[in-house]
Every structure is written in C-alpha cells, then in structure tokens.
Amino acid sequence: MHKLVEELGLRRHAAADGDHTATTERQHASGKLTARERIALFLDADSFQEIEPFRRHTAHGFGLEARRPAGDGVVTGWGTVDGRTVFVYAQDFRLLAGTVGEAHAAKIHKVMDMAIAAGAPLVGLFDGAGARIQEGVSALAGFGGIFIRNTRASGVIPQISVILGPCAGGAAYSPALTDFVFMVRETSQMFVTGPDVVAAVTGESVTMNELGGADVHAAKSGVAHFAYDDEAACLHDVRYLLSMLPANNREHPPATRCADPADRRADDLYTLVPTEAGRPYDMRAVIAELVDDGESFEIHEGWAANIVCALARLGGQVVGIVANQPSTLAGALDIHASEKAARFVQTCDAFNIPLLTLLDVPGFLPGVGQEHDGVIRHGAKLLYAFCNATVPRISIVVRKAFGGAYIVMDSRSVGADLAFAWPTNEIAVMGPDGAANVVFRREIADSDDPATAREQKIKQYRAELIHPYYAAERGYVDDIIDPATTRATLIRSFAMLRDKHADLPVRKHGNPPQ
C-alpha cells in the first residue's frame, strides 16, 4: 500500500507541476500566473479539492498522439471563499495553450453540473486559445455543452468569468452568458475574430488589446464589468463580489454586522446636491453618504457612465442601487444606460437583492442616432426589468424626474413598493421651460413682450404642476423626506419589505360567522 500511495503522490505531482519549467517561466514573463497559482490566490488557503487531475484526451485528434498531458489544460474542482463553497475551473495556457477539446470540455461540464446541483457559485478563470483545431467538431460540441449549462445555470447560481489571458472565438460566448466578467489590462483579450482575420477581411490593422482588451470591453463594448491592472487585485475583487451574492436563487445575500449607525444623519447631502435642477454633481457621493461606511461596489463603472449601478449594504443588508448620474449627459437615459441598468436589475431580481433607485433624470437623450439605433427598444428593456422584478423596490426622487424616464426608473406606477422624494423634487411630463413653450405657445406669441410672458408662464407651470408636493398630494409619492434622514428611512423600509414574498400560512376553514 505504501508503494501505491507513493506512486499516487508522484503521479499527482507530475499532473500538477510536471516538466513545465520553461512554459511556466514564459507564463510569468508575460505577466500571468499559472492556473494553480490563480486558484491558490483566489480560494481560501488549503480549501481546494481538485477533480479529474489525471484526465487525458483520447489522442484521436490530428497530430495530438504525442501530446497527452494529464488534466488536458484545465484545472477543475471546488473550494471556499470566506468559508462558503465555490466551484472553479481554470484553463492552463501552458498545456496545449489552454485550448478546449473533448476531454477539456468534459471536465468543465462536470464541474458546472456539480455547481448547479450543489447550489453554489461558479467561477471560470479563462486563459486559452479557443477551440482545439486538431479535434475538429468534438471541440465545437464541447463548447455547446458549456453554453447550454451556462444558460441553465443563469439566474440559478451566480456565474463569474475572469479573463486572464486570451479568450477567442467560440470561447468568448461563455463569459457573455455569465453574470459578471472581470478582465486584466494588457494580458487579457476577448474577441470572436482575431486581428489577423480582421485585417484579411476588412483591411483594418489592429492589435489584440485594441481589438478586445480590458479597457475596450469595460468602456466601449460593455462586455466586461470590471478591469484591473493585475491579477491579484482582480481576484481580490472577485472574492469581494462573492461576499455580496447569495449562493443561489433560493437564498438571501449574506448579511454582515454593521457598525455604521442605522439612524446616522447624512447632513452633507444638503450641500452635495444643488437645488438648481440644471447644476451637475456626482451621484456616487450621494450613494457614499447613504450606504454603510460609505462603501459600494460599482458595476460597469467605465461604460454608460450616465447611470450608476452598484452593490452596497444598508444596515448590513445587501442592496442593488440604480441611480442617474447628473455629471454625465445630465443623467439622461440612452441606449447603453438602459441596457446596463436593465441587466443589473434582472441580476439583482434573480438573486434576491433588493433594489434602490435614485432619480435625477431629465428624460431620454434626444437625437436621430438614438432613435435610429433603437432607444425605444432598449428603453423598454429597462422598463420590463423593473416591471418584472419581484424583490423589494424603493425609489427616491432626489431632484428632477421628467417624462417617460421617470416612469421607467421604477416609479410607483410600475410597481415600486415605496416611493419617496426630497423637497427638491420636480416630477412632470417635461421641464418647465419646454412645457411652457408647448402649453402656452399661443399666449406667449400673442403677448406684447414674449420674453417676459414666457418667464411668467414658466413660473406659473412650475407653481401649479411641478411643485414638490404635487405628486405626494396624489399618492404617487409616499412621503417627502428630509435628505439627512434618508439612510434611516431606507433601512427601516427595507427591513419591513424583507419578507414581502414569504409564503403566507394556508387559511384554515373555520366556522363562518352566524
């Protein structure tokens, strides 16, 4: 037995490290860690349990007979993050360039099935050159098996993709099906067709990073939610994100002890938000004043900056925040902002994360390009996401909320459980300047002094239709609150709403009244 155990140890060591000194040095020289180094950095110490470390491909692929490394270029298994079970697979670029073949895909299929069955998050660490060409259709079928499992797991368990090297061709579609995508600058790239193909077909000359680097996908395409300068910082924030997500869609997000007083006043809000409707400010500063310890985790920070989506805690409980950003495009909604917020709302709804919406929106961004590119279609995605969400939902009109954008941003009329407003709120079909031009157009044109008449009509419209208490008087706002008490109001309100979807007891059939 001792000899057999000794042999097992040697085989395990060979499978894990083998004779890969040269390829490991190349991996490190390119600024990348190895698959096992990444797993060790990501998971709690000594918690990783590997599965199928000895699996090899069947050598039926063209030219692969002499290259059958144990593990087939991917490390799979499970471990813990802050003591909670997490399943992981990490492609090993040192072995067959991390390409996906039949055995490689089968290992990923197995760990995905295990994650779904266990109801635990799944994290994929991508560093591979795409489909293994030598295995032909078998490699493509392997991708198909990954995609269908991504789809089945969607909204059931959190799925996180971490791009730490190339992720090309069909491989790029798996991260796009997951909930969150992390990338590292300079070393990670995602694209369907590489620079050589682009040059051959279109004549465009582009580098890998220019085509599909981290900053491109974090700021232009919206494919990546996060971009980092190094792998350590990236994997640290993957752990942090997991601390704010439930293990599956049947659980609440994990709560924490909160040292920040629930009744803490936020007096700085008086000066952070200008009373003048047209003056810009940073909505992130408002969020920092409201949430526990001023700490939030912004999603898609670099893309569609006119809307802020973030995870934070209020009274120790996780909430998802959707907020207009007046410092960019005046906070107007456009195609990208609508798409960004819609996906975030749907993710929060899937994983039982309550939603807080902070409104300061002048409307949808006008323009021929927006209309022709489908702002109606994309705006409807956000409207649908809010209307369909069943988690607790609270909205606050911070300042202005005009037109269809007010409705779309989780107004009371589309199902917000509670709607509050600050004394600075203005809710109307459109701003007073534009409204006066439409409603009082004839009176202004017929007056002896049109400019003075217009100013008077603007004041009249503002006084009669968009004063701060107009919506409250009609029940569209539950209360007008002191901005400084917003934090306490939110914590009390979310606590009341926490179990709003809990099953009620079955009514017993008693004796009817006589």
Protein backbone atom coordinates (compact mmCIF):
# COMPACT_ATOMS: atom_id res chain seq x y z
CA MET A 1 0.00 0.00 0.00
CA HIS A 2 2.78 2.42 0.88
CA LYS A 3 4.32 1.97 -2.56
CA LEU A 4 0.97 2.59 -4.22
CA VAL A 5 0.44 5.74 -2.17
CA GLU A 6 3.94 6.86 -3.03
CA GLU A 7 3.22 6.30 -6.72
CA LEU A 8 -0.02 8.26 -6.36
CA GLY A 9 1.91 11.15 -4.89
CA LEU A 10 4.39 11.11 -7.76
CA ARG A 11 1.64 10.98 -10.34
CA ARG A 12 -0.25 13.79 -8.63
CA HIS A 13 2.89 15.92 -8.53
CA ALA A 14 3.53 15.23 -12.21
CA ALA A 15 -0.04 16.14 -13.11
CA ALA A 16 0.15 19.37 -11.12
CA ASP A 17 3.64 20.53 -12.00
CA GLY A 18 5.21 18.07 -14.40
CA ASP A 19 8.08 19.19 -16.60
CA HIS A 20 6.70 22.64 -17.30
CA THR A 21 9.56 24.84 -16.10
CA ALA A 22 10.05 26.55 -19.45
CA THR A 23 6.34 27.15 -20.07
CA THR A 24 5.86 28.39 -16.51
CA GLU A 25 8.69 30.88 -16.99
CA ARG A 26 7.07 32.11 -20.21
CA GLN A 27 3.75 32.45 -18.40
CA HIS A 28 5.35 34.53 -15.65
CA ALA A 29 7.35 36.58 -18.17
CA SER A 30 4.10 37.59 -19.87
CA GLY A 31 2.78 38.91 -16.55
CA LYS A 32 0.47 35.96 -15.88
CA LEU A 33 0.15 33.43 -13.10
CA THR A 34 -0.37 29.73 -13.74
CA ALA A 35 -3.79 28.13 -13.32
CA ARG A 36 -2.94 26.59 -9.95
CA GLU A 37 -1.33 29.79 -8.69
CA ARG A 38 -4.54 31.64 -9.55
CA ILE A 39 -6.71 29.12 -7.73
CA ALA A 40 -4.45 29.29 -4.67
CA LEU A 41 -4.69 33.10 -4.69
CA PHE A 42 -8.45 33.09 -5.19
CA LEU A 43 -9.67 30.41 -2.77
CA ASP A 44 -9.22 30.16 0.98
CA ALA A 45 -5.91 28.56 1.91
CA ASP A 46 -5.83 24.76 1.62
CA SER A 47 -9.51 24.56 0.67
CA PHE A 48 -9.23 23.42 -2.95
CA GLN A 49 -10.43 19.93 -3.82
CA GLU A 50 -9.46 19.05 -7.37
CA ILE A 51 -11.42 16.65 -9.56
CA GLU A 52 -10.14 14.69 -12.57
CA PRO A 53 -6.50 15.78 -12.33
CA PHE A 54 -5.41 12.71 -14.36
CA ARG A 55 -7.85 13.00 -17.24
CA ARG A 56 -6.31 12.99 -20.74
CA HIS A 57 -7.70 13.31 -24.23
CA THR A 58 -8.16 10.15 -26.28
CA ALA A 59 -5.45 11.03 -28.82
CA HIS A 60 -7.80 10.71 -31.77
CA GLY A 61 -7.18 14.31 -32.79
CA PHE A 62 -4.89 15.05 -35.72
CA GLY A 63 -1.29 15.47 -34.54
CA LEU A 64 -2.07 15.07 -30.83
CA GLU A 65 -0.91 11.48 -30.29
CA ALA A 66 2.37 12.54 -28.68
CA ARG A 67 0.86 15.31 -26.55
CA ARG A 68 -1.47 13.94 -23.90
CA PRO A 69 -0.83 15.97 -20.72
CA ALA A 70 -2.66 14.99 -17.55
CA GLY A 71 -5.50 17.39 -16.86
CA ASP A 72 -5.86 18.33 -20.56
CA GLY A 73 -5.17 22.02 -19.98
CA VAL A 74 -7.80 22.81 -17.35
CA VAL A 75 -7.89 22.51 -13.55
CA THR A 76 -11.33 21.89 -12.03
CA GLY A 77 -12.76 21.47 -8.54
CA TRP A 78 -14.18 23.35 -5.61
CA GLY A 79 -13.05 25.19 -2.51
CA THR A 80 -14.20 28.00 -0.26
CA VAL A 81 -14.22 31.79 -0.32
CA ASP A 82 -14.63 33.20 3.18
CA GLY A 83 -15.79 29.75 4.20
CA ARG A 84 -18.52 29.48 1.54
CA THR A 85 -18.37 26.78 -1.16
CA VAL A 86 -17.40 27.96 -4.65
CA PHE A 87 -16.77 25.81 -7.74
CA VAL A 88 -13.96 26.83 -10.07
CA TYR A 89 -12.26 25.87 -13.31
CA ALA A 90 -9.02 27.42 -14.54
CA GLN A 91 -7.57 26.99 -18.00
CA ASP A 92 -3.84 26.24 -18.08
CA PHE A 93 -2.25 28.01 -21.04
CA ARG A 94 0.96 26.03 -20.51
CA LEU A 95 -0.77 22.83 -21.66
CA LEU A 96 -1.97 22.76 -25.25
CA ALA A 97 -2.40 26.57 -25.00
CA GLY A 98 -5.45 26.00 -22.79
CA THR A 99 -7.46 25.01 -25.86
CA VAL A 100 -10.86 23.38 -25.46
CA GLY A 101 -11.05 19.79 -26.67
CA GLU A 102 -13.38 16.94 -25.83
CA ALA A 103 -11.75 15.98 -22.51
CA HIS A 104 -11.13 19.61 -21.54
CA ALA A 105 -14.80 20.43 -22.10
CA ALA A 106 -15.98 17.30 -20.29
CA LYS A 107 -14.11 18.40 -17.17
CA ILE A 108 -15.78 21.82 -17.32
CA HIS A 109 -19.18 20.21 -17.93
CA LYS A 110 -18.75 18.09 -14.81
CA VAL A 111 -17.81 20.97 -12.52
CA MET A 112 -20.67 23.07 -13.90
CA ASP A 113 -23.14 20.26 -13.23
CA MET A 114 -21.77 19.92 -9.71
CA ALA A 115 -22.14 23.65 -9.05
CA ILE A 116 -25.76 23.63 -10.22
CA ALA A 117 -26.58 20.54 -8.17
CA ALA A 118 -24.89 21.94 -5.04
CA GLY A 119 -26.44 25.40 -5.48
CA ALA A 120 -23.07 27.16 -5.24
CA PRO A 121 -21.38 29.91 -7.31
CA LEU A 122 -19.26 29.00 -10.33
CA VAL A 123 -16.12 30.94 -11.27
CA GLY A 124 -14.29 30.36 -14.56
CA LEU A 125 -10.67 31.53 -14.98
CA PHE A 126 -10.11 31.86 -18.73
CA ASP A 127 -6.69 31.65 -20.36
CA GLY A 128 -6.97 29.63 -23.56
CA ALA A 129 -6.56 29.91 -27.30
CA GLY A 130 -10.11 28.79 -28.12
CA ALA A 131 -11.23 25.58 -29.76
CA ARG A 132 -8.63 22.84 -30.25
CA ILE A 133 -8.38 22.74 -34.02
CA GLN A 134 -6.92 19.24 -34.10
CA GLU A 135 -10.10 17.78 -32.56
CA GLY A 136 -12.46 19.35 -35.08
CA VAL A 137 -16.17 19.08 -34.37
CA SER A 138 -15.54 17.41 -31.00
CA ALA A 139 -14.12 20.71 -29.73
CA LEU A 140 -17.12 22.63 -31.04
CA ALA A 141 -19.51 20.19 -29.38
CA GLY A 142 -17.64 20.75 -26.14
CA PHE A 143 -18.38 24.47 -26.38
CA GLY A 144 -22.04 23.71 -26.96
CA GLY A 145 -22.17 21.72 -23.74
CA ILE A 146 -20.66 24.66 -21.85
CA PHE A 147 -23.11 27.15 -23.34
CA ILE A 148 -26.22 25.15 -22.51
CA ARG A 149 -25.04 24.75 -18.92
CA ASN A 150 -24.34 28.49 -18.69
CA THR A 151 -27.91 29.06 -19.81
CA ARG A 152 -29.43 26.52 -17.42
CA ALA A 153 -27.46 28.00 -14.52
CA SER A 154 -28.41 31.57 -15.41
CA GLY A 155 -30.36 33.13 -12.56
CA VAL A 156 -29.95 29.95 -10.51
CA ILE A 157 -26.37 30.27 -9.27
CA PRO A 158 -24.00 33.23 -9.63
CA GLN A 159 -21.65 32.74 -12.58
CA ILE A 160 -18.49 34.82 -12.78
CA SER A 161 -15.99 34.83 -15.65
CA VAL A 162 -12.45 36.06 -15.07
CA ILE A 163 -10.49 36.67 -18.28
CA LEU A 164 -6.78 36.31 -17.50
CA GLY A 165 -5.41 35.66 -20.97
CA PRO A 166 -6.82 35.14 -24.47
CA CYS A 167 -10.48 34.18 -24.82
CA ALA A 168 -11.13 33.92 -28.53
CA GLY A 169 -13.70 32.63 -30.98
CA GLY A 170 -16.47 30.47 -29.55
CA ALA A 171 -14.86 30.63 -26.10
CA ALA A 172 -15.90 34.30 -25.80
CA TYR A 173 -19.58 33.41 -25.72
CA SER A 174 -19.43 31.60 -22.39
CA PRO A 175 -18.38 34.72 -20.43
CA ALA A 176 -21.06 36.69 -22.24
CA LEU A 177 -23.67 34.27 -20.86
CA THR A 178 -22.49 34.71 -17.27
CA ASP A 179 -23.46 37.33 -14.68
CA PHE A 180 -20.16 39.20 -14.30
CA VAL A 181 -16.99 39.47 -16.39
CA PHE A 182 -13.61 40.56 -14.98
CA MET A 183 -10.58 41.40 -17.14
CA VAL A 184 -6.93 42.38 -16.61
CA ARG A 185 -5.29 45.11 -18.67
CA GLU A 186 -2.58 44.18 -21.19
CA THR A 187 -2.77 40.42 -20.55
CA SER A 188 -6.42 39.53 -21.26
CA GLN A 189 -8.29 39.84 -24.55
CA MET A 190 -11.70 38.75 -25.82
CA PHE A 191 -12.81 38.69 -29.44
CA VAL A 192 -14.75 36.48 -31.84
CA THR A 193 -12.32 37.02 -34.72
CA GLY A 194 -8.70 37.98 -34.10
CA PRO A 195 -6.59 40.77 -35.60
CA ASP A 196 -5.33 38.63 -38.50
CA VAL A 197 -8.86 37.75 -39.62
CA VAL A 198 -10.00 41.35 -39.21
CA ALA A 199 -7.10 42.55 -41.34
CA ALA A 200 -7.74 39.93 -44.03
CA VAL A 201 -11.48 40.63 -44.27
CA THR A 202 -11.75 44.37 -43.64
CA GLY A 203 -8.23 45.65 -44.18
CA GLU A 204 -8.19 47.16 -40.68
CA SER A 205 -4.92 46.89 -38.77
CA VAL A 206 -5.46 46.45 -35.04
CA THR A 207 -3.60 44.94 -32.09
CA MET A 208 -5.11 42.32 -29.78
CA ASN A 209 -5.58 44.86 -27.00
CA GLU A 210 -7.04 47.47 -29.34
CA LEU A 211 -9.49 44.89 -30.63
CA GLY A 212 -10.52 43.18 -27.42
CA GLY A 213 -8.52 44.38 -24.43
CA ALA A 214 -9.85 45.06 -20.95
CA ASP A 215 -10.38 48.80 -21.39
CA VAL A 216 -12.12 48.29 -24.74
CA HIS A 217 -14.66 45.92 -23.22
CA ALA A 218 -15.02 47.85 -19.95
CA ALA A 219 -15.58 51.26 -21.59
CA LYS A 220 -16.75 50.73 -25.18
CA SER A 221 -18.49 47.40 -25.73
CA GLY A 222 -19.82 46.84 -22.21
CA VAL A 223 -18.81 43.18 -22.35
CA ALA A 224 -16.60 43.46 -19.25
CA HIS A 225 -17.95 44.72 -15.93
CA PHE A 226 -14.54 45.30 -14.34
CA ALA A 227 -10.95 45.98 -15.50
CA TYR A 228 -7.81 45.75 -13.34
CA ASP A 229 -4.08 46.36 -13.63
CA ASP A 230 -3.03 42.99 -12.20
CA GLU A 231 -4.39 39.54 -11.41
CA ALA A 232 -4.09 39.86 -7.63
CA ALA A 233 -6.35 42.93 -7.49
CA CYS A 234 -8.76 41.29 -9.92
CA LEU A 235 -9.11 38.06 -7.93
CA HIS A 236 -9.41 40.03 -4.67
CA ASP A 237 -12.47 41.82 -6.05
CA VAL A 238 -13.98 38.57 -7.33
CA ARG A 239 -13.87 37.40 -3.72
CA TYR A 240 -15.42 40.70 -2.60
CA LEU A 241 -18.23 40.40 -5.14
CA LEU A 242 -19.00 36.88 -3.95
CA SER A 243 -19.34 38.21 -0.39
CA MET A 244 -22.34 40.24 -1.59
CA LEU A 245 -24.06 37.48 -3.54
CA PRO A 246 -26.15 34.55 -2.28
CA ALA A 247 -25.03 31.02 -3.07
CA ASN A 248 -28.10 30.54 -5.25
CA ASN A 249 -31.51 31.97 -6.10
CA ARG A 250 -33.18 30.33 -3.09
CA GLU A 251 -31.14 32.27 -0.56
CA HIS A 252 -30.83 35.88 0.58
CA PRO A 253 -27.48 37.64 0.15
CA PRO A 254 -25.24 37.24 3.21
CA ALA A 255 -25.79 39.90 5.88
CA THR A 256 -22.99 41.37 7.99
CA ARG A 257 -22.73 43.17 11.29
CA CYS A 258 -22.87 46.91 10.74
CA ALA A 259 -21.02 49.41 12.93
CA ASP A 260 -22.39 52.36 10.94
CA PRO A 261 -25.45 53.58 12.90
CA ALA A 262 -28.76 52.96 11.15
CA ASP A 263 -30.03 56.36 12.28
CA ARG A 264 -26.92 58.26 11.19
CA ARG A 265 -27.85 61.59 9.68
CA ALA A 266 -26.45 62.48 6.27
CA ASP A 267 -26.32 66.28 6.60
CA ASP A 268 -23.68 66.56 3.85
CA LEU A 269 -26.43 65.79 1.33
CA TYR A 270 -27.70 69.35 1.78
CA THR A 271 -24.59 70.66 0.03
CA LEU A 272 -23.78 67.69 -2.23
CA VAL A 273 -26.97 68.08 -4.26
CA PRO A 274 -27.58 71.58 -5.71
CA THR A 275 -31.16 72.80 -5.58
CA GLU A 276 -30.87 74.17 -9.13
CA ALA A 277 -32.15 71.45 -11.44
CA GLY A 278 -29.54 72.08 -14.13
CA ARG A 279 -26.39 72.01 -11.98
CA PRO A 280 -24.34 68.79 -12.19
CA TYR A 281 -23.00 66.79 -9.24
CA ASP A 282 -21.61 63.31 -8.62
CA MET A 283 -24.33 60.85 -7.64
CA ARG A 284 -21.66 58.50 -6.30
CA ALA A 285 -21.04 60.98 -3.49
CA VAL A 286 -24.74 60.76 -2.59
CA ILE A 287 -24.56 56.96 -2.54
CA ALA A 288 -21.48 57.09 -0.29
CA GLU A 289 -23.39 59.23 2.22
CA LEU A 290 -26.25 56.75 2.38
CA VAL A 291 -24.65 53.30 2.47
CA ASP A 292 -22.81 51.52 5.26
CA ASP A 293 -19.35 53.03 5.84
CA GLY A 294 -19.57 54.84 2.51
CA GLU A 295 -18.61 51.63 0.72
CA SER A 296 -20.15 50.48 -2.56
CA PHE A 297 -19.06 48.24 -5.42
CA GLU A 298 -19.85 49.84 -8.76
CA ILE A 299 -20.72 47.59 -11.70
CA HIS A 300 -19.75 48.65 -15.24
CA GLU A 301 -18.13 51.83 -13.93
CA GLY A 302 -16.46 52.64 -17.26
CA TRP A 303 -19.44 52.02 -19.55
CA ALA A 304 -22.61 54.13 -19.84
CA ALA A 305 -21.44 56.48 -17.10
CA ASN A 306 -24.72 58.43 -17.20
CA ILE A 307 -26.19 55.76 -14.94
CA VAL A 308 -24.65 54.20 -11.83
CA CYS A 309 -25.23 50.56 -10.89
CA ALA A 310 -23.71 49.39 -7.64
CA LEU A 311 -23.94 46.85 -4.85
CA ALA A 312 -23.76 48.15 -1.29
CA ARG A 313 -25.10 47.49 2.18
CA LEU A 314 -27.70 49.31 4.24
CA GLY A 315 -27.84 48.22 7.87
CA GLY A 316 -25.69 45.21 6.96
CA GLN A 317 -28.08 44.03 4.22
CA VAL A 318 -27.06 43.96 0.55
CA VAL A 319 -28.94 46.25 -1.84
CA GLY A 320 -28.59 46.96 -5.54
CA ILE A 321 -28.53 50.65 -6.43
CA VAL A 322 -29.57 52.15 -9.77
CA ALA A 323 -29.01 55.90 -9.98
CA ASN A 324 -28.92 58.58 -12.65
CA GLN A 325 -25.57 60.39 -12.88
CA PRO A 326 -26.08 64.14 -13.45
CA SER A 327 -22.36 64.68 -14.08
CA THR A 328 -22.58 62.72 -17.37
CA LEU A 329 -25.10 63.66 -20.07
CA ALA A 330 -27.08 65.37 -17.27
CA GLY A 331 -28.14 61.89 -16.16
CA ALA A 332 -30.32 61.36 -19.24
CA LEU A 333 -31.13 57.78 -20.20
CA ASP A 334 -29.83 56.50 -23.52
CA ILE A 335 -29.40 53.15 -25.25
CA HIS A 336 -26.34 51.99 -23.31
CA ALA A 337 -27.59 53.23 -19.93
CA SER A 338 -30.90 51.44 -20.43
CA GLU A 339 -29.19 48.19 -21.35
CA LYS A 340 -26.70 48.43 -18.48
CA ALA A 341 -29.36 49.12 -15.87
CA ALA A 342 -31.79 46.51 -17.23
CA ARG A 343 -29.25 43.72 -16.94
CA PHE A 344 -28.29 44.82 -13.43
CA VAL A 345 -31.92 44.93 -12.30
CA GLN A 346 -32.53 41.44 -13.69
CA THR A 347 -29.42 40.11 -11.92
CA CYS A 348 -30.50 41.62 -8.60
CA ASP A 349 -34.00 40.24 -9.03
CA ALA A 350 -32.67 36.76 -9.80
CA PHE A 351 -30.57 36.68 -6.64
CA ASN A 352 -32.99 38.27 -4.18
CA ILE A 353 -31.14 41.58 -3.89
CA PRO A 354 -33.49 44.49 -3.01
CA LEU A 355 -33.38 47.49 -5.34
CA LEU A 356 -32.92 51.17 -4.51
CA THR A 357 -33.44 53.66 -7.34
CA LEU A 358 -32.21 57.26 -7.06
CA LEU A 359 -33.82 59.52 -9.65
CA ASP A 360 -32.43 62.71 -11.11
CA VAL A 361 -33.30 62.33 -14.77
CA PRO A 362 -34.25 64.96 -17.37
CA GLY A 363 -35.60 62.33 -19.77
CA PHE A 364 -34.30 60.14 -22.56
CA LEU A 365 -31.38 61.50 -24.56
CA PRO A 366 -32.76 63.09 -27.75
CA GLY A 367 -31.15 62.57 -31.14
CA VAL A 368 -31.51 60.96 -34.53
CA GLY A 369 -28.83 58.41 -33.73
CA GLN A 370 -30.58 57.33 -30.54
CA GLU A 371 -33.91 56.91 -32.29
CA HIS A 372 -32.48 55.07 -35.28
CA ASP A 373 -30.39 52.76 -33.10
CA GLY A 374 -33.44 51.71 -31.10
CA VAL A 375 -33.67 53.76 -27.92
CA ILE A 376 -37.32 52.70 -27.69
CA ARG A 377 -36.39 49.04 -27.82
CA HIS A 378 -33.56 49.39 -25.31
CA GLY A 379 -35.53 51.68 -23.01
CA ALA A 380 -38.25 49.04 -22.96
CA LYS A 381 -35.70 46.53 -21.63
CA LEU A 382 -35.21 48.65 -18.52
CA LEU A 383 -38.94 49.21 -18.16
CA TYR A 384 -39.58 45.47 -18.46
CA ALA A 385 -36.84 44.64 -15.95
CA PHE A 386 -38.35 46.89 -13.27
CA CYS A 387 -41.95 45.86 -14.00
CA ASN A 388 -40.96 42.20 -13.79
CA ALA A 389 -38.83 42.46 -10.64
CA THR A 390 -40.33 40.90 -7.50
CA VAL A 391 -37.66 41.89 -4.97
CA PRO A 392 -38.30 44.80 -2.56
CA ARG A 393 -38.06 48.06 -4.51
CA ILE A 394 -37.75 51.61 -3.21
CA SER A 395 -37.35 54.72 -5.33
CA ILE A 396 -36.30 58.22 -4.28
CA VAL A 397 -36.70 61.32 -6.44
CA VAL A 398 -33.61 63.28 -5.49
CA ARG A 399 -34.24 66.23 -7.76
CA LYS A 400 -35.91 66.16 -11.18
CA ALA A 401 -37.76 63.28 -12.85
CA PHE A 402 -39.29 64.12 -16.21
CA GLY A 403 -41.25 62.27 -18.86
CA GLY A 404 -41.06 58.62 -19.72
CA ALA A 405 -37.70 58.33 -17.96
CA TYR A 406 -39.45 58.99 -14.64
CA ILE A 407 -41.82 56.08 -15.27
CA VAL A 408 -39.05 53.76 -16.46
CA MET A 409 -36.85 54.46 -13.42
CA ASP A 410 -39.05 52.38 -11.12
CA SER A 411 -41.83 54.84 -10.40
CA ARG A 412 -44.68 53.86 -8.11
CA SER A 413 -46.87 53.27 -11.17
CA VAL A 414 -44.67 50.38 -12.38
CA GLY A 415 -44.54 48.61 -9.05
CA ALA A 416 -42.09 50.28 -6.67
CA ASP A 417 -43.09 49.22 -3.17
CA LEU A 418 -42.30 52.62 -1.72
CA ALA A 419 -41.63 55.96 -3.40
CA PHE A 420 -40.03 58.83 -1.53
CA ALA A 421 -38.88 62.26 -2.64
CA TRP A 422 -36.71 65.06 -1.32
CA PRO A 423 -38.09 68.61 -1.05
CA THR A 424 -36.06 69.42 -4.18
CA ASN A 425 -38.11 67.06 -6.35
CA GLU A 426 -39.71 68.08 -9.62
CA ILE A 427 -41.87 65.43 -11.30
CA ALA A 428 -43.59 66.26 -14.57
CA VAL A 429 -44.05 65.31 -18.20
CA MET A 430 -41.21 67.67 -19.10
CA GLY A 431 -39.20 70.51 -17.63
CA PRO A 432 -40.93 73.87 -17.07
CA ASP A 433 -39.06 75.63 -19.88
CA GLY A 434 -40.13 73.13 -22.53
CA ALA A 435 -43.61 72.73 -21.06
CA ALA A 436 -44.27 76.49 -21.18
CA ASN A 437 -43.31 76.58 -24.85
CA VAL A 438 -45.89 73.89 -25.61
CA VAL A 439 -48.76 74.66 -23.24
CA PHE A 440 -48.66 78.43 -23.51
CA ARG A 441 -47.30 78.77 -27.02
CA ARG A 442 -50.18 80.91 -28.31
CA GLU A 443 -50.37 83.17 -25.27
CA ILE A 444 -46.62 83.83 -25.44
CA ALA A 445 -46.73 84.54 -29.17
CA ASP A 446 -49.68 86.96 -28.83
CA SER A 447 -48.21 88.95 -25.94
CA ASP A 448 -46.57 92.36 -26.36
CA ASP A 449 -43.42 91.11 -24.60
CA PRO A 450 -42.95 87.37 -25.44
CA ALA A 451 -39.81 87.00 -23.33
CA THR A 452 -41.48 88.34 -20.19
CA ALA A 453 -44.66 86.39 -20.90
CA ARG A 454 -42.65 83.21 -21.28
CA GLU A 455 -40.92 83.71 -17.92
CA GLN A 456 -44.28 84.27 -16.26
CA LYS A 457 -45.74 81.11 -17.78
CA ILE A 458 -42.72 79.09 -16.70
CA LYS A 459 -43.26 80.27 -13.12
CA GLN A 460 -46.97 79.51 -13.40
CA TYR A 461 -46.35 75.97 -14.70
CA ARG A 462 -43.77 75.32 -12.01
CA ALA A 463 -46.04 76.59 -9.23
CA GLU A 464 -49.13 74.67 -10.35
CA LEU A 465 -47.83 71.37 -11.74
CA ILE A 466 -44.31 70.55 -10.60
CA HIS A 467 -44.05 71.88 -7.09
CA PRO A 468 -42.51 69.34 -4.66
CA TYR A 469 -45.84 68.28 -3.15
CA TYR A 470 -47.85 67.81 -6.33
CA ALA A 471 -47.06 64.07 -6.68
CA ALA A 472 -47.38 63.48 -2.94
CA GLU A 473 -50.83 65.03 -2.88
CA ARG A 474 -51.93 62.48 -5.48
CA GLY A 475 -50.34 59.45 -3.84
CA TYR A 476 -47.57 58.90 -6.39
CA VAL A 477 -45.01 59.63 -3.67
CA ASP A 478 -45.43 58.05 -0.24
CA ASP A 479 -43.63 60.82 1.61
CA ILE A 480 -41.45 63.87 1.21
CA ILE A 481 -38.45 63.25 3.45
CA ASP A 482 -35.58 65.26 4.88
CA PRO A 483 -32.49 64.23 2.86
CA ALA A 484 -30.48 63.87 6.06
CA THR A 485 -32.85 61.13 7.29
CA THR A 486 -32.77 59.15 4.03
CA ARG A 487 -30.45 56.45 5.36
CA ALA A 488 -32.64 55.73 8.39
CA THR A 489 -35.78 55.77 6.23
CA LEU A 490 -34.28 53.29 3.78
CA ILE A 491 -33.05 50.87 6.44
CA ARG A 492 -36.45 50.84 8.18
CA SER A 493 -38.28 50.43 4.87
CA PHE A 494 -36.12 47.61 3.52
CA ALA A 495 -36.40 45.80 6.87
CA MET A 496 -40.19 45.97 6.58
CA LEU A 497 -40.08 44.72 2.98
CA ARG A 498 -37.51 41.98 3.50
CA ASP A 499 -40.00 39.14 3.70
CA LYS A 500 -42.71 40.57 1.48
CA HIS A 501 -42.63 37.45 -0.71
CA ALA A 502 -42.56 34.92 2.11
CA ASP A 503 -45.26 32.27 1.80
CA LEU A 504 -48.28 33.12 3.90
CA PRO A 505 -49.88 30.37 6.01
CA VAL A 506 -52.71 28.46 4.38
CA ARG A 507 -56.04 29.82 5.59
CA LYS A 508 -57.92 27.40 7.83
CA HIS A 509 -61.58 26.77 7.23
CA GLY A 510 -63.27 27.79 10.46
CA ASN A 511 -66.91 28.21 11.27
CA PRO A 512 -68.48 31.10 9.34
CA PRO A 513 -69.92 33.92 11.45
CA GLN A 514 -73.56 33.37 12.47
